[in-house]
Amino acid sequence: MAVERDIAALLGGLAHPDELQADCLLNRVIRPNERCEYGRRHGFSAIRTIHDYQRSVPIVTYADIEPQIARIASGEPLVLTSEPVRRFFETSGSTGAAKTIPVTSSLIADKARAFGVYWGLLFQSHPDAGSGKVVGNFSESGGARTVASGLPITSEGAYWNAVGAATQRRGRSPLPRFISQIADPDSRYYTAARILLEEDVSLLMALNPSTLLVLFRKLCAFAEDLIRDVEQGGLKRDLEVSADVRDHVAAGYTGNPERARSLRGLLRSADPTLAAHEVWPALRLVVSWRSPMQRPYLRLLEPHLASLPQRDYILMASEGVIAIPIADHTSGGVLATPFHFYEFIPEEDLGSPNPRALLASELEVGRSYVVLLSTSAGLYRYNIGDVVRVTGMRERTPVVEFLHRAGSTCSITGEKLTEEHVVEAMNAAAPALGLAVEGFTLHPAPDGFPHYVLLLEPAGSPPAGTLRALLHAFERELAERNIEYSAKRRSERLGPPELWVAAKGSYDARRRHRMEAGANDAQLKPIHLTRDERFSVAFDVSERLTTT
């Protein structure tokens, strides 16, 4: 079978990644695209080696090729690829503006092959994970529209949901597609929980562990209502769902008193909760992202999952696949060498005018790199904006994990905030309330359910009511500028922000302290967004406010 061949290619090539990469570059990226405008301009027909490619083709960002992508969207062929573009994936860009990524049939095939390798290896390690129902991602994935040429543009998640996600290879998910389209978060999670409570689930998968955490918390919060529905059949009346949803659940789940008694028994135990590992005794594996940014959610999942095996999901973006996890309870995976061509710039060299791009075999364990991606869909030496860290080696192939977006960004659960988002939101919110601000910084909260803290030093002494109004306005402006932040807040995967009021003179004191430590004025740029959850420790916080 093709999956077995691809698995053998990945594992068999661990000792010689550069050979796999050279073959992929020439036969998947260069040769098929010699006839397109970009290929002719950069001499694809004369490229014979990786060195030829690096010498002939420049490193680019999305901004560099955005004009060509716009031409493709308007219907022009043979711009970045010889093969026709079939659709576009839309994703948040590192500057906050949405990126429109061209998608060809070859790219879909490459990704599908990578998915096949991932799930094939997973079921080799956990054959019993496919014995029951395999529940795939069910979070909100957005709708569809068309570009000028009439081609569709969606999120990648919406595309795979529509065609049947790779997670359903070993048994159809009991959750129908309409689950992800229920707009009200409580109703969506309740309906998913209601259906799953009567299913023999052996594998649970969600890209974001926050999705699983919210599901499990809703399971506990609505336990009595859910058990009543299991016993009597159908869905309770006050949910914001369509008649079709109600009819589907009523027809498929007509009432199960025995299952309801079993669930009530869990609530009468010494620890009266509906913990996932007890609700679904056949559950054998949980799949979600496990990067360092996800660790707060993973810690909060521990009581729900106990000792159940967990595996990271594929490290990927709309543009392509980066790494394939092959072990449990780790972050990241082996570089996906058969599917795309990869180069890496050391993170500290990203700002250099001519940084050296390294190959897979040249990476060092413990160091961080920005990924350059070349694919069959018209991205050539494309700076994807992701920073990965090498955590180990499988023979000569690096094992990499996602760290963060390059530059001043922060992403707790996929919202990809940028410093530009934060500054623009504050610049809109504070003047509208007549507030002047001495300094402000947004950072992840150090504890509790994952959320952000807005550390702020106001000018003067505004009342708490005004500061709370600022917090509301700031979040509203932030959500308008970042659709992913808005979606994560709506789906309750990200908690409401707090405002911590810094004492008068705090930011000036920090500046003086840094100058005393040897920094000069040119280095003392304001920090408005940081991934450091302990950033506020050095400040005297006089008050902590929430949106409620």
Protein backbone atom coordinates (compact mmCIF):
# COMPACT_ATOMS: atom_id res chain seq x y z
CA MET A 1 0.00 0.00 0.00
CA ALA A 2 1.02 3.61 -0.58
CA VAL A 3 0.97 4.44 3.14
CA GLU A 4 3.39 1.60 3.93
CA ARG A 5 5.71 2.81 1.15
CA ASP A 6 5.65 6.36 2.51
CA ILE A 7 6.33 5.14 6.05
CA ALA A 8 9.26 3.10 4.78
CA ALA A 9 10.58 6.12 2.87
CA LEU A 10 10.43 8.36 5.96
CA LEU A 11 11.94 5.87 8.39
CA GLY A 12 14.39 4.42 5.88
CA GLY A 13 15.65 7.91 5.07
CA LEU A 14 16.42 8.95 8.66
CA ALA A 15 20.10 8.13 8.12
CA HIS A 16 20.38 10.19 4.91
CA PRO A 17 17.93 13.12 5.01
CA ASP A 18 19.85 15.22 2.49
CA GLU A 19 19.38 12.54 -0.20
CA LEU A 20 15.64 12.44 0.42
CA GLN A 21 15.53 16.22 0.39
CA ALA A 22 17.47 16.52 -2.87
CA ASP A 23 15.10 14.06 -4.54
CA CYS A 24 12.06 15.90 -3.18
CA LEU A 25 13.38 19.28 -4.29
CA LEU A 26 14.18 18.22 -7.84
CA ASN A 27 11.25 15.90 -8.53
CA ARG A 28 8.42 17.41 -6.44
CA VAL A 29 9.27 21.12 -6.53
CA ILE A 30 11.56 22.11 -9.43
CA ARG A 31 10.90 19.83 -12.42
CA PRO A 32 7.08 20.10 -12.34
CA ASN A 33 7.26 23.91 -12.26
CA GLU A 34 9.88 24.70 -14.90
CA ARG A 35 7.24 26.12 -17.28
CA CYS A 36 5.71 28.67 -14.91
CA GLU A 37 6.76 32.32 -14.89
CA TYR A 38 8.65 32.03 -11.59
CA GLY A 39 10.44 28.89 -12.77
CA ARG A 40 11.54 30.51 -16.03
CA ARG A 41 12.69 33.68 -14.24
CA HIS A 42 14.88 31.74 -11.82
CA GLY A 43 16.20 29.13 -14.23
CA PHE A 44 14.53 26.03 -12.84
CA SER A 45 15.43 24.05 -15.97
CA ALA A 46 19.15 24.48 -15.20
CA ILE A 47 18.95 23.51 -11.51
CA ARG A 48 20.58 20.16 -10.80
CA THR A 49 21.55 20.35 -7.12
CA ILE A 50 20.50 21.92 -3.84
CA HIS A 51 23.41 24.34 -4.19
CA ASP A 52 22.14 25.40 -7.65
CA TYR A 53 18.74 26.06 -6.12
CA GLN A 54 20.09 28.14 -3.25
CA ARG A 55 22.22 30.17 -5.65
CA SER A 56 19.44 30.79 -8.17
CA VAL A 57 16.33 31.34 -6.02
CA PRO A 58 16.00 34.11 -3.41
CA ILE A 59 14.59 33.72 0.10
CA VAL A 60 11.13 35.32 0.18
CA THR A 61 8.38 36.28 2.59
CA TYR A 62 4.67 36.40 1.91
CA ALA A 63 4.89 40.10 1.13
CA ASP A 64 7.40 39.35 -1.65
CA ILE A 65 5.06 37.01 -3.50
CA GLU A 66 1.74 38.60 -2.59
CA PRO A 67 1.46 40.35 -6.00
CA GLN A 68 1.87 37.03 -7.80
CA ILE A 69 -0.74 35.41 -5.53
CA ALA A 70 -3.12 38.26 -6.33
CA ARG A 71 -2.66 37.58 -10.04
CA ILE A 72 -3.41 33.89 -9.48
CA ALA A 73 -6.55 34.83 -7.51
CA SER A 74 -7.70 36.95 -10.45
CA GLY A 75 -7.44 33.90 -12.72
CA GLU A 76 -3.98 34.16 -14.31
CA PRO A 77 -2.34 30.73 -14.89
CA LEU A 78 1.33 29.67 -14.86
CA VAL A 79 2.47 32.30 -12.36
CA LEU A 80 4.01 30.34 -9.46
CA THR A 81 3.20 26.82 -10.65
CA SER A 82 2.78 24.98 -13.94
CA GLU A 83 -0.07 23.03 -12.37
CA PRO A 84 -3.41 24.83 -11.99
CA VAL A 85 -4.27 26.29 -8.60
CA ARG A 86 -7.49 24.65 -7.40
CA ARG A 87 -8.33 26.73 -4.31
CA PHE A 88 -6.81 28.90 -1.58
CA PHE A 89 -6.27 28.43 2.15
CA GLU A 90 -6.62 31.52 4.30
CA THR A 91 -4.53 31.88 7.42
CA SER A 92 -3.60 34.69 9.80
CA GLY A 93 -0.29 36.26 8.81
CA SER A 94 2.54 37.17 11.14
CA THR A 95 1.63 40.85 10.69
CA GLY A 96 -2.03 40.18 11.42
CA ALA A 97 -3.28 40.52 7.83
CA ALA A 98 -4.75 37.30 6.45
CA LYS A 99 -2.55 35.36 4.04
CA THR A 100 -4.00 33.69 0.96
CA ILE A 101 -2.11 30.48 0.18
CA PRO A 102 -2.44 28.87 -3.29
CA VAL A 103 -3.36 25.17 -3.17
CA THR A 104 -2.75 22.69 -5.97
CA SER A 105 -3.77 19.07 -6.29
CA SER A 106 -0.15 18.11 -5.70
CA LEU A 107 -0.05 19.97 -2.38
CA ILE A 108 -3.24 18.23 -1.25
CA ALA A 109 -1.68 14.90 -2.25
CA ASP A 110 1.55 15.70 -0.38
CA LYS A 111 -0.35 16.61 2.76
CA ALA A 112 -2.61 13.57 2.49
CA ARG A 113 0.48 11.35 2.23
CA ALA A 114 1.94 12.98 5.35
CA PHE A 115 -1.36 12.46 7.19
CA GLY A 116 -1.30 8.82 6.12
CA VAL A 117 2.21 8.35 7.50
CA TYR A 118 1.25 9.99 10.80
CA TRP A 119 -1.88 7.89 11.32
CA GLY A 120 -0.22 4.73 10.03
CA LEU A 121 2.61 5.03 12.57
CA LEU A 122 0.16 5.98 15.30
CA PHE A 123 -2.00 2.89 14.77
CA GLN A 124 1.10 0.70 14.55
CA SER A 125 1.98 1.88 18.07
CA HIS A 126 -1.64 1.82 19.33
CA PRO A 127 -3.62 -0.76 17.33
CA ASP A 128 -6.41 -0.74 19.92
CA ALA A 129 -6.90 3.03 19.46
CA GLY A 130 -8.90 2.18 16.34
CA SER A 131 -11.05 -0.46 18.02
CA GLY A 132 -13.88 1.96 18.82
CA LYS A 133 -14.99 5.34 17.55
CA VAL A 134 -12.25 7.71 16.40
CA VAL A 135 -13.32 11.28 17.18
CA GLY A 136 -11.68 13.93 15.01
CA ASN A 137 -11.38 17.67 15.38
CA PHE A 138 -14.76 19.34 15.92
CA SER A 139 -13.87 22.96 16.70
CA GLU A 140 -15.21 25.87 14.67
CA SER A 141 -13.43 26.07 11.30
CA GLY A 142 -15.15 28.95 9.49
CA GLY A 143 -17.02 29.25 6.23
CA ALA A 144 -16.13 29.62 2.56
CA ARG A 145 -16.06 32.38 -0.02
CA THR A 146 -14.58 32.84 -3.48
CA VAL A 147 -11.82 34.99 -4.96
CA ALA A 148 -12.17 37.02 -8.17
CA SER A 149 -11.50 34.00 -10.38
CA GLY A 150 -14.30 32.05 -8.68
CA LEU A 151 -11.96 29.66 -6.87
CA PRO A 152 -12.93 28.85 -3.28
CA ILE A 153 -11.04 30.19 -0.27
CA THR A 154 -11.44 28.60 3.16
CA SER A 155 -9.42 27.80 6.22
CA GLU A 156 -7.52 24.54 5.85
CA GLY A 157 -9.57 23.07 8.68
CA ALA A 158 -12.79 23.78 6.82
CA TYR A 159 -11.40 22.05 3.72
CA TRP A 160 -10.43 18.84 5.49
CA ASN A 161 -13.70 18.82 7.44
CA ALA A 162 -15.55 18.99 4.15
CA VAL A 163 -13.68 16.19 2.39
CA GLY A 164 -13.44 13.89 5.42
CA ALA A 165 -10.51 14.36 7.76
CA ALA A 166 -7.65 11.87 7.83
CA THR A 167 -8.53 11.07 11.45
CA GLN A 168 -11.50 9.05 10.22
CA ARG A 169 -9.40 6.47 8.35
CA ARG A 170 -10.01 3.75 10.92
CA GLY A 171 -13.69 4.25 11.64
CA ARG A 172 -16.14 7.04 11.06
CA SER A 173 -16.42 9.72 13.71
CA PRO A 174 -19.77 9.72 15.49
CA LEU A 175 -19.78 13.53 15.32
CA PRO A 176 -21.43 14.76 12.11
CA ARG A 177 -20.07 17.78 10.26
CA PHE A 178 -22.79 20.05 11.58
CA ILE A 179 -21.24 19.99 15.07
CA SER A 180 -18.46 22.39 14.03
CA GLN A 181 -21.05 24.70 12.46
CA ILE A 182 -23.09 25.29 15.65
CA ALA A 183 -22.37 28.94 16.40
CA ASP A 184 -23.06 29.06 20.14
CA PRO A 185 -20.05 27.52 21.97
CA ASP A 186 -22.05 26.10 24.89
CA SER A 187 -24.53 24.49 22.50
CA ARG A 188 -21.74 23.13 20.28
CA TYR A 189 -19.80 21.53 23.13
CA TYR A 190 -22.99 20.29 24.82
CA THR A 191 -24.18 18.60 21.63
CA ALA A 192 -20.78 17.00 21.06
CA ALA A 193 -20.68 15.75 24.66
CA ARG A 194 -24.27 14.49 24.43
CA ILE A 195 -23.48 12.34 21.39
CA LEU A 196 -20.13 11.09 22.68
CA LEU A 197 -21.55 9.99 26.03
CA GLU A 198 -23.33 7.16 24.21
CA GLU A 199 -20.41 6.18 22.01
CA ASP A 200 -17.57 3.73 22.56
CA VAL A 201 -14.71 6.19 22.02
CA SER A 202 -11.21 4.77 21.65
CA LEU A 203 -9.37 7.85 20.29
CA LEU A 204 -9.99 11.55 20.86
CA MET A 205 -8.29 14.13 18.67
CA ALA A 206 -8.37 17.94 18.57
CA LEU A 207 -5.64 20.16 17.17
CA ASN A 208 -5.75 22.46 20.20
CA PRO A 209 -5.72 20.83 23.64
CA SER A 210 -7.84 23.80 24.70
CA THR A 211 -10.69 22.30 22.65
CA LEU A 212 -10.50 19.08 24.65
CA LEU A 213 -10.25 20.97 27.92
CA VAL A 214 -13.39 22.99 27.20
CA LEU A 215 -15.23 19.81 26.16
CA PHE A 216 -14.29 18.05 29.40
CA ARG A 217 -15.22 21.08 31.50
CA LYS A 218 -18.60 21.35 29.80
CA LEU A 219 -19.05 17.64 30.44
CA CYS A 220 -18.68 18.31 34.16
CA ALA A 221 -20.57 21.62 34.23
CA PHE A 222 -23.63 20.18 32.46
CA ALA A 223 -23.36 16.68 33.92
CA GLU A 224 -26.90 16.45 35.30
CA ASP A 225 -28.52 17.82 32.13
CA LEU A 226 -26.42 15.54 29.93
CA ILE A 227 -27.25 12.44 31.96
CA ARG A 228 -30.94 13.35 31.84
CA ASP A 229 -30.74 13.63 28.04
CA VAL A 230 -28.93 10.28 27.83
CA GLU A 231 -31.68 8.70 29.91
CA GLN A 232 -34.64 10.27 28.09
CA GLY A 233 -33.20 10.72 24.59
CA GLY A 234 -32.71 13.82 22.42
CA LEU A 235 -31.41 17.23 23.46
CA LYS A 236 -32.59 19.63 26.15
CA ARG A 237 -34.79 22.47 24.91
CA ASP A 238 -32.74 25.58 25.73
CA LEU A 239 -29.82 24.84 23.36
CA GLU A 240 -29.24 27.17 20.41
CA VAL A 241 -29.27 24.48 17.72
CA SER A 242 -31.26 23.98 14.54
CA ALA A 243 -34.20 21.64 14.12
CA ASP A 244 -31.99 19.40 11.94
CA VAL A 245 -29.53 18.99 14.82
CA ARG A 246 -32.33 18.12 17.22
CA ASP A 247 -33.83 15.64 14.76
CA HIS A 248 -30.44 13.96 14.22
CA VAL A 249 -29.82 13.48 17.95
CA ALA A 250 -33.42 12.43 18.66
CA ALA A 251 -33.31 9.80 15.91
CA GLY A 252 -29.93 8.38 16.83
CA TYR A 253 -30.07 8.59 20.61
CA THR A 254 -33.58 7.69 21.77
CA GLY A 255 -32.89 7.07 25.45
CA ASN A 256 -30.42 4.86 27.31
CA PRO A 257 -31.33 4.41 31.02
CA GLU A 258 -28.57 1.87 31.60
CA ARG A 259 -25.89 4.25 30.35
CA ALA A 260 -27.42 7.06 32.43
CA ARG A 261 -27.20 4.89 35.58
CA SER A 262 -23.54 4.17 34.86
CA LEU A 263 -22.76 7.88 34.48
CA ARG A 264 -24.64 8.77 37.67
CA GLY A 265 -22.48 6.23 39.44
CA LEU A 266 -19.41 8.28 38.51
CA LEU A 267 -21.00 11.36 40.09
CA ARG A 268 -21.58 9.43 43.32
CA SER A 269 -17.96 8.31 43.59
CA ALA A 270 -15.36 9.77 45.94
CA ASP A 271 -14.36 12.16 43.14
CA PRO A 272 -17.74 13.16 41.64
CA THR A 273 -16.79 14.22 38.13
CA LEU A 274 -17.20 12.90 34.63
CA ALA A 275 -13.50 12.38 33.92
CA ALA A 276 -12.76 11.34 30.34
CA HIS A 277 -10.75 8.27 31.27
CA GLU A 278 -13.73 6.97 33.30
CA VAL A 279 -16.52 8.10 30.96
CA TRP A 280 -14.90 6.24 28.05
CA PRO A 281 -13.17 3.14 29.45
CA ALA A 282 -12.17 2.06 25.92
CA LEU A 283 -10.27 5.34 25.35
CA ARG A 284 -6.70 4.41 24.45
CA LEU A 285 -5.11 7.57 23.02
CA VAL A 286 -5.55 11.33 22.95
CA VAL A 287 -4.07 13.45 20.14
CA SER A 288 -3.45 17.19 20.25
CA TRP A 289 -0.65 19.70 19.83
CA ARG A 290 1.97 19.50 22.59
CA SER A 291 4.31 22.42 21.85
CA PRO A 292 5.71 24.43 24.80
CA MET A 293 3.02 27.09 24.30
CA GLN A 294 0.36 24.43 24.92
CA ARG A 295 1.74 23.21 28.24
CA PRO A 296 -0.67 25.21 30.45
CA TYR A 297 -3.57 23.40 28.77
CA LEU A 298 -1.84 20.03 28.93
CA ARG A 299 -1.33 20.45 32.67
CA LEU A 300 -5.02 21.27 33.11
CA LEU A 301 -5.95 18.14 31.13
CA GLU A 302 -4.09 15.78 33.45
CA PRO A 303 -6.99 15.12 35.90
CA HIS A 304 -9.28 14.32 32.98
CA LEU A 305 -6.89 11.93 31.23
CA ALA A 306 -4.95 10.35 34.10
CA SER A 307 -2.29 8.06 32.60
CA LEU A 308 -3.76 7.80 29.09
CA PRO A 309 -1.15 7.92 26.30
CA GLN A 310 -1.02 11.23 24.42
CA ARG A 311 0.62 12.10 21.12
CA ASP A 312 1.44 15.39 19.46
CA TYR A 313 -0.26 16.15 16.16
CA ILE A 314 1.58 16.93 12.93
CA LEU A 315 3.59 20.16 13.03
CA MET A 316 2.10 21.95 10.06
CA ALA A 317 0.72 25.17 8.65
CA SER A 318 -1.59 25.99 5.76
CA GLU A 319 1.53 26.28 3.60
CA GLY A 320 2.77 22.76 4.32
CA VAL A 321 3.82 20.02 6.71
CA ILE A 322 6.97 20.39 8.79
CA ALA A 323 7.33 17.42 11.16
CA ILE A 324 5.63 14.12 11.93
CA PRO A 325 5.49 12.96 15.58
CA ILE A 326 6.39 9.29 16.00
CA ALA A 327 6.43 8.95 19.82
CA ASP A 328 4.03 9.58 22.70
CA HIS A 329 4.27 12.31 25.36
CA THR A 330 6.74 14.41 23.38
CA SER A 331 6.56 17.72 21.56
CA GLY A 332 7.25 17.73 17.82
CA GLY A 333 8.47 15.03 15.48
CA VAL A 334 10.91 14.06 12.76
CA LEU A 335 11.28 16.42 9.83
CA ALA A 336 8.88 15.36 7.04
CA THR A 337 11.70 14.95 4.52
CA PRO A 338 9.83 13.07 1.74
CA PHE A 339 7.10 15.69 1.28
CA HIS A 340 8.59 19.21 1.07
CA PHE A 341 12.05 20.76 0.92
CA TYR A 342 13.28 22.54 4.05
CA GLU A 343 16.00 25.02 4.91
CA PHE A 344 16.68 26.67 8.24
CA ILE A 345 18.04 30.03 9.38
CA PRO A 346 19.35 30.26 12.96
CA GLU A 347 16.86 32.45 14.82
CA GLU A 348 19.57 34.86 15.93
CA ASP A 349 20.63 35.38 12.29
CA LEU A 350 17.17 36.18 10.93
CA GLY A 351 17.84 39.90 10.77
CA SER A 352 21.14 39.50 8.94
CA PRO A 353 21.23 40.82 5.35
CA ASN A 354 22.50 37.50 3.94
CA PRO A 355 21.84 34.72 6.44
CA ARG A 356 23.14 31.26 5.61
CA ALA A 357 20.38 28.71 5.08
CA LEU A 358 21.18 25.32 6.60
CA LEU A 359 20.03 21.86 5.53
CA ALA A 360 18.42 19.26 7.79
CA SER A 361 21.67 17.41 8.50
CA GLU A 362 23.40 20.65 9.57
CA LEU A 363 21.08 21.49 12.47
CA GLU A 364 22.22 21.33 16.08
CA VAL A 365 20.29 19.93 19.03
CA GLY A 366 19.04 22.66 21.36
CA ARG A 367 19.19 25.48 18.83
CA SER A 368 16.24 27.37 17.34
CA TYR A 369 15.68 28.03 13.64
CA VAL A 370 13.28 29.82 11.32
CA VAL A 371 11.87 27.46 8.67
CA LEU A 372 12.19 28.10 4.92
CA LEU A 373 9.70 25.98 2.99
CA SER A 374 9.64 24.90 -0.66
CA THR A 375 6.55 23.04 -1.90
CA SER A 376 4.90 21.72 -5.02
CA ALA A 377 2.33 24.56 -4.77
CA GLY A 378 4.55 27.51 -5.67
CA LEU A 379 6.34 28.42 -2.44
CA TYR A 380 10.09 28.55 -3.00
CA ARG A 381 12.52 29.26 -0.14
CA TYR A 382 9.52 30.77 1.63
CA ASN A 383 10.04 32.11 5.14
CA ILE A 384 7.04 30.57 6.85
CA GLY A 385 7.60 32.66 9.98
CA ASP A 386 7.68 29.66 12.36
CA VAL A 387 10.53 29.14 14.79
CA VAL A 388 11.32 25.52 15.66
CA ARG A 389 13.74 24.04 18.16
CA VAL A 390 15.74 20.89 17.55
CA THR A 391 15.07 18.56 20.49
CA GLY A 392 17.01 15.56 19.23
CA MET A 393 18.08 13.46 16.27
CA ARG A 394 16.73 10.24 14.80
CA GLU A 395 19.90 9.03 13.17
CA ARG A 396 20.79 12.11 11.06
CA THR A 397 17.27 13.56 10.79
CA PRO A 398 16.33 16.32 13.26
CA VAL A 399 13.38 16.07 15.63
CA VAL A 400 11.86 19.55 15.83
CA GLU A 401 9.15 21.18 17.91
CA PHE A 402 7.27 24.41 17.32
CA LEU A 403 8.34 27.27 19.59
CA HIS A 404 6.67 30.46 18.39
CA ARG A 405 6.23 32.81 15.47
CA ALA A 406 9.28 34.79 14.47
CA GLY A 407 9.33 38.35 15.75
CA SER A 408 7.27 39.96 18.50
CA THR A 409 4.40 37.53 18.68
CA CYS A 410 2.56 35.41 21.20
CA SER A 411 0.20 32.48 20.68
CA ILE A 412 -1.18 30.55 23.63
CA THR A 413 -3.68 28.47 21.65
CA GLY A 414 -3.25 29.45 18.00
CA GLU A 415 -4.38 33.11 18.12
CA LYS A 416 -1.02 34.42 16.82
CA LEU A 417 -1.10 37.88 18.38
CA THR A 418 1.46 40.39 17.18
CA GLU A 419 2.83 43.50 18.80
CA GLU A 420 1.15 45.45 16.04
CA HIS A 421 -2.25 44.06 17.08
CA VAL A 422 -1.65 45.09 20.69
CA VAL A 423 -0.39 48.59 19.93
CA GLU A 424 -3.22 49.33 17.50
CA ALA A 425 -5.82 48.06 19.97
CA MET A 426 -4.48 50.25 22.76
CA ASN A 427 -4.13 53.24 20.45
CA ALA A 428 -7.82 52.92 19.60
CA ALA A 429 -9.16 52.09 23.07
CA ALA A 430 -7.35 54.52 25.40
CA PRO A 431 -7.98 57.82 23.54
CA ALA A 432 -11.65 56.97 23.12
CA LEU A 433 -11.92 56.90 26.93
CA GLY A 434 -9.78 60.00 27.42
CA LEU A 435 -7.00 57.96 29.03
CA ALA A 436 -3.28 58.59 28.78
CA VAL A 437 -0.96 55.64 29.34
CA GLU A 438 2.63 55.67 30.59
CA GLY A 439 3.33 52.10 29.54
CA PHE A 440 1.62 48.82 28.76
CA THR A 441 2.57 45.22 28.03
CA LEU A 442 0.44 42.19 27.19
CA HIS A 443 1.70 38.80 28.34
CA PRO A 444 0.33 35.31 29.14
CA ALA A 445 -1.01 34.93 32.68
CA PRO A 446 1.36 33.00 34.97
CA ASP A 447 -1.36 30.73 36.36
CA GLY A 448 -5.03 29.76 36.11
CA PHE A 449 -6.91 28.93 32.92
CA PRO A 450 -4.82 30.28 30.03
CA HIS A 451 -5.51 33.96 29.36
CA TYR A 452 -3.67 37.25 28.92
CA VAL A 453 -2.66 39.92 31.40
CA LEU A 454 -2.58 43.54 30.28
CA LEU A 455 -0.03 45.26 32.50
CA LEU A 456 -0.72 48.98 32.34
CA GLU A 457 0.60 52.11 34.02
CA PRO A 458 -1.97 54.90 33.56
CA ALA A 459 -1.10 58.55 33.65
CA GLY A 460 -2.78 60.14 36.64
CA SER A 461 -5.24 58.20 38.80
CA PRO A 462 -8.27 57.10 36.76
CA PRO A 463 -11.02 55.28 38.70
CA ALA A 464 -11.36 51.50 38.55
CA GLY A 465 -14.52 51.85 36.48
CA THR A 466 -12.66 53.67 33.74
CA LEU A 467 -9.84 51.13 33.78
CA ARG A 468 -12.31 48.28 33.54
CA ALA A 469 -13.94 50.05 30.60
CA LEU A 470 -10.49 50.28 29.02
CA LEU A 471 -10.00 46.54 29.42
CA HIS A 472 -13.34 45.88 27.68
CA ALA A 473 -12.51 48.33 24.89
CA PHE A 474 -8.99 46.99 24.47
CA GLU A 475 -10.20 43.43 24.09
CA ARG A 476 -12.90 44.48 21.65
CA GLU A 477 -10.32 46.30 19.50
CA LEU A 478 -7.93 43.35 19.74
CA ALA A 479 -10.63 40.92 18.58
CA GLU A 480 -11.44 43.16 15.60
CA ARG A 481 -7.80 43.09 14.54
CA ASN A 482 -7.18 39.36 15.02
CA ILE A 483 -9.86 36.91 13.94
CA GLU A 484 -8.09 34.01 15.64
CA TYR A 485 -8.10 35.77 19.02
CA SER A 486 -11.79 36.49 18.58
CA ALA A 487 -12.53 32.85 17.69
CA LYS A 488 -10.54 31.48 20.64
CA ARG A 489 -12.37 33.77 23.04
CA ARG A 490 -15.79 32.89 21.58
CA SER A 491 -15.07 29.18 21.86
CA GLU A 492 -13.82 29.64 25.45
CA ARG A 493 -10.43 28.12 24.67
CA LEU A 494 -8.92 31.39 25.89
CA GLY A 495 -10.05 32.99 29.13
CA PRO A 496 -10.98 36.67 29.55
CA PRO A 497 -8.03 39.03 30.02
CA GLU A 498 -7.05 40.74 33.26
CA LEU A 499 -5.77 44.28 33.70
CA TRP A 500 -2.96 44.66 36.24
CA VAL A 501 -2.37 48.26 37.24
CA ALA A 502 1.31 49.07 37.66
CA ALA A 503 2.24 51.62 40.31
CA LYS A 504 3.21 55.12 39.20
CA GLY A 505 6.79 55.26 37.91
CA SER A 506 7.08 51.50 37.30
CA TYR A 507 8.00 51.65 33.62
CA ASP A 508 10.48 54.47 34.23
CA ALA A 509 12.08 52.45 37.01
CA ARG A 510 12.43 49.48 34.65
CA ARG A 511 14.07 51.70 32.07
CA ARG A 512 16.54 53.09 34.60
CA HIS A 513 17.35 49.60 35.85
CA ARG A 514 18.16 48.43 32.33
CA MET A 515 20.39 51.45 31.67
CA GLU A 516 22.25 50.78 34.90
CA ALA A 517 22.78 47.24 33.66
CA GLY A 518 24.50 48.57 30.52
CA ALA A 519 21.72 49.04 27.97
CA ASN A 520 21.78 52.17 25.82
CA ASP A 521 18.89 54.27 24.57
CA ALA A 522 18.80 52.50 21.22
CA GLN A 523 18.18 49.17 22.98
CA LEU A 524 15.42 50.50 25.24
CA LYS A 525 12.51 49.93 22.94
CA PRO A 526 9.12 49.53 24.61
CA ILE A 527 7.87 45.97 24.99
CA HIS A 528 4.14 45.85 24.27
CA LEU A 529 3.86 42.07 23.79
CA THR A 530 5.95 39.32 25.32
CA ARG A 531 5.74 35.58 25.72
CA ASP A 532 7.27 35.90 29.21
CA GLU A 533 4.49 34.99 31.63
CA ARG A 534 6.57 36.41 34.52
CA PHE A 535 7.10 39.81 32.92
CA SER A 536 5.02 41.58 35.61
CA VAL A 537 7.05 40.14 38.50
CA ALA A 538 9.45 43.10 38.44
CA PHE A 539 6.57 45.60 38.69
CA ASP A 540 4.67 46.86 41.71
CA VAL A 541 1.09 45.87 40.84
CA SER A 542 -1.41 47.90 42.83
CA GLU A 543 -4.70 46.50 41.49
CA ARG A 544 -5.97 43.60 39.42
CA LEU A 545 -9.15 43.99 37.37
CA THR A 546 -11.20 41.62 35.24
CA THR A 547 -13.87 42.20 32.63
CA THR A 548 -16.61 41.03 35.02
